Amino acid sequence: MEVGQYHEPDGPLTLVDERVRAEALDALRAHGVDVDAPENLASLDGFPDAVVVAGGDKWSIRLSKPGVPRSRLPEAGWFDPDSGTLTVYAASLAEPLTVLLLRHGVRPLLVTWGTPHEEVARHNLRAAVVPAEISPISSYSRVTAAAQRLIPELHRRWLNAKPDDGEALAARAGSLLPPLIDDAAENSYYRRALEALFGAPVNLAERGPCRLCGRSAQSARPGLFYCHGCCALARGGVLRDTGVDGAWTEAIVYALRRLAEAEFSGPPSLTQLDRVGVPFEYHALVDEVLLCRFLLPRPGSAVLSARPLRPARTWTEWLAHAGLLTDGVRTSLGTATRATDGHLCRSLFERHVDDFLHHRGVAHEPEPAYPRHPELNTTGLRADWRLADGTFVEALGLMTKEAYVAKVARKRELARHQGLRLATVTAEDLNRLPEIFADWLPKGSAG
């Protein structure tokens, strides 16, 4: 979580919460940054709950409000670093804002009272009626009433909602970006999204109503028509982490648990969400798992207030928050946890593969020993799994470590020398598991 910014080369250090200045200064100095600051911060304790936004030719001083982004906080005054002039909009703020600037390592040469410029006055009026929280809705979606019934009533509101940010909506209305094109022949983004979700080429000759919103759409699997907009929402989500939990958090927890139960037999990885993993002949189930993807926030979409109640959650933290990693133990190799079938996995990456094999009915023995060899295997090498036909499987999760890469090379050479079939999987392959394990999947399995 970001606590502030140091503006190179000479500062200032601006903070989300002024109360952590002493700790922030210590952290910068520990990293070799020489920061100007008053010697006795404890004596400068009469500062307001405000943040300094340094940029351009002046510093804007804004009053903090819980749950409100910094850009929408009301301005209380401004400081001109060139002239050393502090201008406040209320006389009572002169002393506290001076103290605030002293904590930033500057002393105003002149403190004056003034009225805000017309643009700032309008901004402050908007800030006075701004919603108490940032909206968790990041993208507009429209889902038919019939499709919404696949999701519990408690969570349906997020499937047909608009962002509460009026400015963002106004910006979108005047956007120069072209509208979404629901023609896979003309729109390569649409084609790639549809083919990635369903692991098959788009049938350009067929069109039909999108099963989720009713717009004209195309398909990569018979009968499964989904428009560009719904494909994009399945890959990007309609919700974002605001740092303040609420009803939207409960919807995310529901979606994660439902996907773990119906599609993955365990907590999904982000990469696996790019590929639908349920039997395609069950159309309503495909609709449901796509709608669950709508409800999942993606890393990078988080928009936190100036003073969030908590940091944005990582994907692993969301899985834990949903109760899907109750047995997870953090180690130097990753999060050790037991897969759905009880197999011990040393990382979430391994668990995703193990859960896939279990979910698809592929028999797999964990930690099998490679055959001994006087040169290539004198230390008792083990694979991650062995399949029923004797194929060894390796989940290659530490390929940035030199010793690990050397060990993998030795295993490859050993398998070649002994005539063993060896299948390898990397984290980038998690949405390609149906292709990688196609030879072992029972007939009729999805993908």
Protein backbone atom coordinates (compact mmCIF):
# COMPACT_ATOMS: atom_id res chain seq x y z
CA MET A 1 0.00 0.00 0.00
CA GLU A 2 1.36 3.44 -0.95
CA VAL A 3 1.69 5.81 2.02
CA GLY A 4 3.03 8.79 0.10
CA GLN A 5 5.39 10.13 -2.55
CA TYR A 6 8.83 11.69 -2.48
CA HIS A 7 9.16 14.29 -5.24
CA GLU A 8 12.69 14.16 -6.61
CA PRO A 9 15.18 15.70 -6.54
CA ASP A 10 14.53 17.90 -3.50
CA GLY A 11 11.12 16.88 -2.22
CA PRO A 12 8.69 17.42 -0.70
CA LEU A 13 7.57 14.16 0.89
CA THR A 14 3.77 14.15 0.59
CA LEU A 15 1.78 11.60 2.57
CA VAL A 16 -1.66 10.04 2.51
CA ASP A 17 -1.71 10.28 6.29
CA GLU A 18 0.47 12.96 7.90
CA ARG A 19 0.64 11.00 11.14
CA VAL A 20 3.13 8.51 9.65
CA ARG A 21 5.70 11.16 8.64
CA ALA A 22 8.33 10.07 11.18
CA GLU A 23 8.21 6.44 9.98
CA ALA A 24 8.25 7.53 6.32
CA LEU A 25 11.32 9.71 6.90
CA ASP A 26 13.13 6.84 8.61
CA ALA A 27 12.30 4.54 5.67
CA LEU A 28 13.65 7.02 3.10
CA ARG A 29 16.85 7.61 5.06
CA ALA A 30 17.34 3.86 5.40
CA HIS A 31 17.36 3.75 1.58
CA GLY A 32 19.92 6.56 1.29
CA VAL A 33 17.55 9.44 0.54
CA ASP A 34 18.55 12.64 2.33
CA VAL A 35 15.24 14.29 3.23
CA ASP A 36 14.88 17.79 4.69
CA ALA A 37 12.62 17.73 7.74
CA PRO A 38 12.23 19.61 11.03
CA GLU A 39 14.30 18.18 13.85
CA ASN A 40 11.40 17.99 16.29
CA LEU A 41 8.23 16.71 14.62
CA ALA A 42 6.60 16.15 17.99
CA SER A 43 6.42 19.89 18.56
CA LEU A 44 4.51 20.36 15.28
CA ASP A 45 1.38 18.53 16.32
CA GLY A 46 -1.21 21.15 15.49
CA PHE A 47 -1.59 20.10 11.87
CA PRO A 48 -5.01 19.54 10.23
CA ASP A 49 -6.24 16.30 8.71
CA ALA A 50 -5.16 17.35 5.25
CA VAL A 51 -2.92 16.24 2.40
CA VAL A 52 -0.53 18.22 0.23
CA VAL A 53 -0.73 17.61 -3.51
CA ALA A 54 2.50 18.90 -5.06
CA GLY A 55 2.43 19.47 -8.77
CA GLY A 56 3.05 22.16 -11.34
CA ASP A 57 3.84 25.60 -9.96
CA LYS A 58 1.90 25.28 -6.69
CA TRP A 59 1.01 22.88 -3.91
CA SER A 60 -2.68 22.26 -3.35
CA ILE A 61 -3.67 21.62 0.29
CA ARG A 62 -6.79 19.47 0.57
CA LEU A 63 -8.90 18.40 3.54
CA SER A 64 -9.12 14.63 3.94
CA LYS A 65 -12.39 12.73 3.92
CA PRO A 66 -12.56 8.97 4.53
CA GLY A 67 -13.47 7.06 1.39
CA VAL A 68 -12.92 9.97 -1.01
CA PRO A 69 -10.14 9.90 -3.65
CA ARG A 70 -7.49 12.61 -3.40
CA SER A 71 -8.56 14.24 -6.67
CA ARG A 72 -12.03 14.93 -5.24
CA LEU A 73 -11.03 16.31 -1.86
CA PRO A 74 -11.95 19.98 -1.20
CA GLU A 75 -9.07 22.45 -1.38
CA ALA A 76 -8.40 24.55 1.76
CA GLY A 77 -5.55 26.63 0.37
CA TRP A 78 -2.40 26.56 -1.71
CA PHE A 79 1.31 27.22 -1.41
CA ASP A 80 3.59 28.84 -4.00
CA PRO A 81 7.08 27.38 -3.42
CA ASP A 82 8.71 30.01 -5.67
CA SER A 83 7.49 33.02 -3.66
CA GLY A 84 7.02 31.20 -0.35
CA THR A 85 3.40 32.43 -0.13
CA LEU A 86 0.70 30.41 1.60
CA THR A 87 -2.86 31.37 0.61
CA VAL A 88 -5.70 30.05 2.80
CA TYR A 89 -9.43 30.22 2.11
CA ALA A 90 -10.40 30.66 5.78
CA ALA A 91 -8.49 32.72 8.35
CA SER A 92 -8.81 29.97 10.96
CA LEU A 93 -6.72 27.68 8.73
CA ALA A 94 -3.67 29.96 8.59
CA GLU A 95 -1.91 28.51 11.63
CA PRO A 96 -2.68 24.79 11.12
CA LEU A 97 -1.74 24.92 7.43
CA THR A 98 1.52 26.67 8.34
CA VAL A 99 2.29 23.83 10.74
CA LEU A 100 1.50 21.34 7.97
CA LEU A 101 4.00 23.03 5.65
CA LEU A 102 6.65 23.12 8.38
CA ARG A 103 6.29 19.35 8.62
CA HIS A 104 6.99 19.24 4.88
CA GLY A 105 10.27 21.05 5.43
CA VAL A 106 9.26 24.53 4.26
CA ARG A 107 8.44 27.73 6.14
CA PRO A 108 6.03 30.18 4.45
CA LEU A 109 7.48 33.67 4.04
CA LEU A 110 3.99 35.16 3.75
CA VAL A 111 0.59 33.85 4.87
CA THR A 112 -2.38 35.54 3.25
CA TRP A 113 -6.13 35.03 3.03
CA GLY A 114 -7.92 34.83 -0.29
CA THR A 115 -10.95 33.42 -2.06
CA PRO A 116 -10.58 30.38 -4.28
CA HIS A 117 -10.53 30.77 -8.03
CA GLU A 118 -13.82 30.11 -9.79
CA GLU A 119 -12.72 26.64 -10.94
CA VAL A 120 -11.62 25.69 -7.39
CA ALA A 121 -14.88 27.04 -5.95
CA ARG A 122 -16.86 24.78 -8.32
CA HIS A 123 -14.64 21.85 -7.38
CA ASN A 124 -15.26 22.48 -3.67
CA LEU A 125 -19.01 22.65 -4.23
CA ARG A 126 -18.91 19.28 -5.99
CA ALA A 127 -16.72 17.90 -3.20
CA ALA A 128 -19.32 18.95 -0.64
CA VAL A 129 -21.89 16.57 -2.15
CA VAL A 130 -19.52 13.85 -3.30
CA PRO A 131 -20.54 10.29 -2.33
CA ALA A 132 -19.10 9.10 0.95
CA GLU A 133 -17.34 6.22 -0.80
CA ILE A 134 -15.72 5.43 -4.13
CA SER A 135 -18.04 3.30 -6.21
CA PRO A 136 -16.89 -0.33 -6.44
CA ILE A 137 -18.37 -0.47 -9.96
CA SER A 138 -15.71 0.10 -12.58
CA SER A 139 -17.54 -0.91 -15.77
CA TYR A 140 -21.09 -0.66 -16.98
CA SER A 141 -22.85 -3.95 -17.70
CA ARG A 142 -26.34 -4.84 -18.80
CA VAL A 143 -27.53 -8.37 -18.13
CA THR A 144 -31.01 -9.60 -18.98
CA ALA A 145 -33.39 -10.51 -16.19
CA ALA A 146 -33.30 -14.15 -17.27
CA ALA A 147 -29.51 -14.31 -17.04
CA GLN A 148 -29.49 -12.48 -13.70
CA ARG A 149 -31.56 -15.29 -12.18
CA LEU A 150 -28.48 -17.53 -12.39
CA ILE A 151 -26.94 -15.44 -9.59
CA PRO A 152 -28.47 -15.18 -6.08
CA GLU A 153 -30.77 -12.17 -5.75
CA LEU A 154 -28.51 -10.63 -3.11
CA HIS A 155 -25.71 -10.14 -5.68
CA ARG A 156 -27.64 -9.39 -8.89
CA ARG A 157 -27.46 -5.61 -8.45
CA TRP A 158 -23.81 -5.62 -9.56
CA LEU A 159 -24.66 -7.27 -12.90
CA ASN A 160 -26.75 -4.41 -14.21
CA ALA A 161 -25.30 -1.31 -12.59
CA LYS A 162 -23.52 1.86 -13.64
CA PRO A 163 -20.55 3.53 -11.95
CA ASP A 164 -21.62 6.23 -9.48
CA ASP A 165 -18.89 8.56 -10.69
CA GLY A 166 -20.76 11.22 -12.67
CA GLU A 167 -17.53 12.75 -13.98
CA ALA A 168 -16.37 9.39 -15.30
CA LEU A 169 -19.68 8.84 -17.07
CA ALA A 170 -19.53 12.28 -18.61
CA ALA A 171 -16.01 11.61 -19.82
CA ARG A 172 -17.15 8.35 -21.37
CA ALA A 173 -20.05 10.06 -23.13
CA GLY A 174 -17.62 12.40 -24.88
CA SER A 175 -15.00 9.74 -25.48
CA LEU A 176 -13.19 9.63 -28.82
CA LEU A 177 -12.76 5.85 -28.52
CA PRO A 178 -14.68 3.87 -31.16
CA PRO A 179 -17.67 1.80 -30.01
CA LEU A 180 -17.27 -1.94 -29.50
CA ILE A 181 -17.64 -3.84 -32.76
CA ASP A 182 -19.40 -7.18 -32.39
CA ASP A 183 -18.01 -8.65 -35.58
CA ALA A 184 -15.14 -11.04 -35.05
CA ALA A 185 -14.09 -10.76 -38.69
CA GLU A 186 -13.47 -7.01 -38.28
CA ASN A 187 -12.51 -6.88 -34.59
CA SER A 188 -9.44 -8.94 -33.74
CA TYR A 189 -9.83 -8.11 -30.02
CA TYR A 190 -13.31 -9.62 -29.96
CA ARG A 191 -12.16 -12.68 -31.87
CA ARG A 192 -9.18 -13.29 -29.56
CA ALA A 193 -11.29 -12.84 -26.41
CA LEU A 194 -13.95 -15.28 -27.62
CA GLU A 195 -11.41 -17.85 -28.77
CA ALA A 196 -9.43 -17.57 -25.51
CA LEU A 197 -12.52 -18.09 -23.37
CA PHE A 198 -13.65 -21.17 -25.30
CA GLY A 199 -10.45 -22.61 -26.75
CA ALA A 200 -11.76 -22.82 -30.32
CA PRO A 201 -11.91 -20.61 -33.44
CA VAL A 202 -14.91 -18.32 -33.91
CA ASN A 203 -17.56 -19.51 -36.33
CA LEU A 204 -17.77 -16.39 -38.49
CA ALA A 205 -20.80 -17.69 -40.38
CA GLU A 206 -23.09 -17.86 -37.33
CA ARG A 207 -24.67 -15.06 -35.35
CA GLY A 208 -27.20 -15.00 -32.54
CA PRO A 209 -28.30 -13.00 -29.50
CA CYS A 210 -25.77 -12.81 -26.67
CA ARG A 211 -26.87 -15.21 -23.97
CA LEU A 212 -26.15 -12.64 -21.26
CA CYS A 213 -27.32 -9.29 -22.64
CA GLY A 214 -29.19 -10.00 -25.90
CA ARG A 215 -26.91 -8.04 -28.26
CA SER A 216 -25.92 -9.53 -31.59
CA ALA A 217 -23.01 -11.92 -31.01
CA GLN A 218 -20.92 -14.73 -32.43
CA SER A 219 -19.70 -18.02 -30.98
CA ALA A 220 -16.69 -20.30 -30.73
CA ARG A 221 -18.78 -23.26 -29.50
CA PRO A 222 -22.19 -24.37 -30.83
CA GLY A 223 -25.03 -22.40 -29.28
CA LEU A 224 -22.80 -20.26 -27.03
CA PHE A 225 -23.17 -16.71 -28.36
CA TYR A 226 -21.49 -13.94 -26.35
CA CYS A 227 -20.96 -10.35 -27.48
CA HIS A 228 -17.70 -8.41 -27.31
CA GLY A 229 -18.84 -6.38 -24.30
CA CYS A 230 -19.72 -9.45 -22.22
CA CYS A 231 -16.47 -11.18 -23.20
CA ALA A 232 -14.58 -8.09 -22.06
CA LEU A 233 -16.43 -8.02 -18.72
CA ALA A 234 -15.77 -11.73 -18.18
CA ARG A 235 -12.06 -11.03 -18.64
CA GLY A 236 -11.94 -7.71 -16.76
CA GLY A 237 -14.80 -7.72 -14.24
CA VAL A 238 -17.30 -5.02 -13.29
CA LEU A 239 -16.08 -4.53 -9.71
CA ARG A 240 -12.92 -2.95 -8.30
CA ASP A 241 -11.34 -2.95 -4.87
CA THR A 242 -12.00 0.35 -3.05
CA GLY A 243 -10.31 -0.53 0.24
CA VAL A 244 -13.66 -0.37 2.04
CA ASP A 245 -15.58 -3.66 2.31
CA GLY A 246 -19.32 -3.76 1.73
CA ALA A 247 -22.05 -5.67 -0.10
CA TRP A 248 -19.85 -5.82 -3.20
CA THR A 249 -17.26 -7.79 -1.20
CA GLU A 250 -19.86 -10.43 -0.39
CA ALA A 251 -20.59 -10.77 -4.12
CA ILE A 252 -16.90 -11.41 -4.82
CA VAL A 253 -16.75 -14.05 -2.09
CA TYR A 254 -19.82 -15.76 -3.54
CA ALA A 255 -18.37 -15.74 -7.08
CA LEU A 256 -15.02 -17.16 -5.97
CA ARG A 257 -16.63 -19.95 -3.96
CA ARG A 258 -19.03 -20.82 -6.77
CA LEU A 259 -16.23 -21.02 -9.35
CA ALA A 260 -14.13 -23.13 -6.98
CA GLU A 261 -17.06 -25.51 -6.56
CA ALA A 262 -18.49 -25.69 -10.07
CA GLU A 263 -15.52 -25.19 -12.37
CA PHE A 264 -12.12 -25.73 -10.76
CA SER A 265 -12.59 -27.99 -7.70
CA GLY A 266 -10.48 -25.50 -5.81
CA PRO A 267 -9.37 -21.86 -5.84
CA PRO A 268 -8.78 -20.63 -9.40
CA SER A 269 -5.71 -18.74 -10.58
CA LEU A 270 -6.12 -15.48 -12.44
CA THR A 271 -4.79 -17.10 -15.59
CA GLN A 272 -7.37 -19.89 -15.40
CA LEU A 273 -10.17 -17.33 -15.50
CA ASP A 274 -9.26 -16.63 -19.12
CA ARG A 275 -10.59 -20.05 -20.11
CA VAL A 276 -14.03 -21.54 -19.42
CA GLY A 277 -13.60 -24.94 -17.79
CA VAL A 278 -17.10 -26.44 -17.61
CA PRO A 279 -18.74 -28.77 -20.18
CA PHE A 280 -19.89 -26.62 -23.07
CA GLU A 281 -23.08 -28.61 -23.60
CA TYR A 282 -24.39 -27.25 -20.27
CA HIS A 283 -25.25 -23.80 -21.58
CA ALA A 284 -26.76 -22.43 -18.37
CA LEU A 285 -23.66 -23.45 -16.40
CA VAL A 286 -21.43 -21.68 -18.92
CA ASP A 287 -23.59 -18.56 -18.51
CA GLU A 288 -23.28 -18.82 -14.73
CA VAL A 289 -19.49 -19.13 -14.60
CA LEU A 290 -19.14 -16.18 -16.98
CA LEU A 291 -21.37 -14.05 -14.75
CA CYS A 292 -19.28 -15.08 -11.74
CA ARG A 293 -16.25 -13.74 -13.62
CA PHE A 294 -18.11 -10.43 -13.98
CA LEU A 295 -18.09 -10.16 -10.18
CA LEU A 296 -14.35 -10.67 -9.70
CA PRO A 297 -12.02 -7.64 -9.42
CA ARG A 298 -8.74 -7.89 -11.30
CA PRO A 299 -5.39 -6.64 -9.96
CA GLY A 300 -4.69 -3.16 -11.23
CA SER A 301 -8.36 -2.14 -11.19
CA ALA A 302 -8.27 -1.08 -7.53
CA VAL A 303 -9.10 2.58 -6.84
CA LEU A 304 -8.43 3.50 -3.22
CA SER A 305 -9.49 6.62 -1.39
CA ALA A 306 -6.99 9.07 0.07
CA ARG A 307 -7.37 7.22 3.36
CA PRO A 308 -8.52 3.62 2.66
CA LEU A 309 -9.50 1.37 5.54
CA ARG A 310 -7.24 -1.37 4.19
CA PRO A 311 -4.78 -1.96 1.33
CA ALA A 312 -6.05 -3.36 -1.95
CA ARG A 313 -6.13 -7.16 -1.77
CA THR A 314 -3.92 -9.30 -3.97
CA TRP A 315 -5.50 -12.25 -5.77
CA THR A 316 -4.14 -14.65 -3.13
CA GLU A 317 -5.61 -12.45 -0.40
CA TRP A 318 -9.01 -12.52 -2.11
CA LEU A 319 -8.85 -16.33 -2.18
CA ALA A 320 -8.00 -16.36 1.50
CA HIS A 321 -10.76 -13.84 2.26
CA ALA A 322 -13.23 -16.20 0.55
CA GLY A 323 -12.08 -19.03 2.81
CA LEU A 324 -10.48 -21.00 -0.02
CA LEU A 325 -6.99 -21.09 1.50
CA THR A 326 -7.76 -21.95 5.10
CA ASP A 327 -4.87 -24.43 5.29
CA GLY A 328 -2.35 -22.32 3.38
CA VAL A 329 1.12 -21.89 4.89
CA ARG A 330 3.48 -19.30 3.45
CA THR A 331 6.94 -20.72 2.63
CA SER A 332 9.98 -19.58 0.64
CA LEU A 333 8.59 -21.48 -2.37
CA GLY A 334 5.07 -20.05 -2.16
CA THR A 335 1.84 -20.84 -0.31
CA ALA A 336 1.80 -24.52 0.68
CA THR A 337 -1.74 -25.90 0.77
CA ARG A 338 -3.67 -29.13 0.28
CA ALA A 339 -5.46 -29.62 -3.01
CA THR A 340 -9.11 -30.64 -3.14
CA ASP A 341 -8.13 -34.32 -3.33
CA GLY A 342 -5.88 -34.01 -0.26
CA HIS A 343 -2.55 -33.90 -2.11
CA LEU A 344 -0.02 -31.57 -0.49
CA CYS A 345 1.08 -28.83 -2.90
CA ARG A 346 4.08 -26.57 -2.30
CA SER A 347 2.58 -23.58 -4.10
CA LEU A 348 -0.74 -22.30 -5.39
CA PHE A 349 0.54 -22.94 -8.91
CA GLU A 350 0.92 -26.65 -8.12
CA ARG A 351 -2.50 -26.68 -6.51
CA HIS A 352 -4.14 -25.19 -9.60
CA VAL A 353 -2.71 -28.03 -11.71
CA ASP A 354 -3.59 -30.72 -9.16
CA ASP A 355 -7.16 -29.42 -8.84
CA PHE A 356 -7.48 -29.39 -12.64
CA LEU A 357 -6.40 -33.04 -12.88
CA HIS A 358 -8.77 -34.00 -10.07
CA HIS A 359 -11.67 -32.01 -11.52
CA ARG A 360 -11.23 -33.57 -14.96
CA GLY A 361 -10.92 -37.12 -13.66
CA VAL A 362 -7.26 -37.61 -14.60
CA ALA A 363 -5.60 -40.08 -12.19
CA HIS A 364 -2.37 -38.60 -10.81
CA GLU A 365 0.10 -39.77 -8.19
CA PRO A 366 1.95 -36.97 -6.36
CA GLU A 367 5.73 -36.91 -5.77
CA PRO A 368 6.74 -40.04 -7.74
CA ALA A 369 10.44 -40.96 -7.77
CA TYR A 370 12.41 -40.88 -11.00
CA PRO A 371 14.45 -44.01 -11.85
CA ARG A 372 17.93 -44.03 -10.38
CA HIS A 373 20.88 -43.24 -12.64
CA PRO A 374 24.60 -43.26 -11.71
CA GLU A 375 25.13 -39.77 -13.15
CA LEU A 376 21.79 -38.05 -13.73
CA ASN A 377 19.94 -39.13 -10.57
CA THR A 378 22.10 -39.81 -7.53
CA THR A 379 20.00 -37.70 -5.13
CA GLY A 380 16.54 -39.25 -5.49
CA LEU A 381 14.86 -36.82 -7.89
CA ARG A 382 11.07 -36.66 -7.77
CA ALA A 383 8.47 -35.34 -10.20
CA ASP A 384 5.38 -33.41 -9.21
CA TRP A 385 2.97 -36.10 -10.50
CA ARG A 386 2.84 -39.36 -12.42
CA LEU A 387 -0.19 -40.14 -14.58
CA ALA A 388 -1.78 -43.56 -15.02
CA ASP A 389 0.22 -44.40 -18.17
CA GLY A 390 3.54 -43.59 -16.47
CA THR A 391 3.90 -40.03 -17.81
CA PHE A 392 5.78 -37.77 -15.43
CA VAL A 393 4.48 -34.20 -14.95
CA GLU A 394 6.48 -31.20 -13.76
CA ALA A 395 5.02 -27.83 -12.72
CA LEU A 396 7.83 -25.41 -13.52
CA GLY A 397 7.31 -22.56 -11.12
CA LEU A 398 10.81 -21.24 -10.29
CA MET A 399 12.42 -20.85 -13.69
CA THR A 400 14.11 -17.61 -12.64
CA LYS A 401 16.34 -19.49 -10.19
CA GLU A 402 19.54 -20.85 -11.71
CA ALA A 403 19.78 -23.94 -9.49
CA TYR A 404 16.15 -24.84 -10.22
CA VAL A 405 16.66 -24.49 -13.99
CA ALA A 406 19.70 -26.77 -13.79
CA LYS A 407 17.68 -29.37 -11.88
CA VAL A 408 14.90 -29.24 -14.48
CA ALA A 409 17.47 -29.73 -17.25
CA ARG A 410 18.78 -32.81 -15.42
CA LYS A 411 15.24 -34.21 -15.17
CA ARG A 412 14.65 -33.62 -18.87
CA GLU A 413 17.88 -35.42 -19.76
CA LEU A 414 17.04 -38.27 -17.38
CA ALA A 415 13.59 -38.68 -18.95
CA ARG A 416 15.13 -38.72 -22.44
CA HIS A 417 17.76 -41.24 -21.41
CA GLN A 418 15.22 -43.56 -19.72
CA GLY A 419 12.59 -43.22 -22.45
CA LEU A 420 10.08 -41.58 -20.11
CA ARG A 421 7.29 -39.33 -21.31
CA LEU A 422 7.56 -35.95 -19.54
CA ALA A 423 4.90 -33.21 -19.60
CA THR A 424 5.77 -29.76 -18.27
CA VAL A 425 3.52 -26.87 -17.25
CA THR A 426 4.42 -23.24 -16.54
CA ALA A 427 2.29 -20.57 -14.88
CA GLU A 428 1.59 -19.12 -18.33
CA ASP A 429 0.06 -22.46 -19.32
CA LEU A 430 -2.69 -22.47 -16.69
CA ASN A 431 -5.36 -21.45 -19.20
CA ARG A 432 -4.06 -24.09 -21.65
CA LEU A 433 -4.35 -27.12 -19.37
CA PRO A 434 -7.07 -28.76 -21.52
CA GLU A 435 -4.66 -28.76 -24.50
CA ILE A 436 -1.62 -29.86 -22.48
CA PHE A 437 -3.49 -32.80 -20.92
CA ALA A 438 -5.73 -33.54 -23.92
CA ASP A 439 -4.31 -37.08 -24.28
CA TRP A 440 -5.41 -37.98 -20.74
CA LEU A 441 -8.78 -36.23 -20.45
CA PRO A 442 -11.79 -38.59 -20.37
CA LYS A 443 -13.92 -38.41 -23.50
CA GLY A 444 -16.57 -35.71 -23.34
CA SER A 445 -14.57 -33.50 -21.00
CA ALA A 446 -14.89 -29.75 -21.68
CA GLY A 447 -12.21 -28.05 -23.73
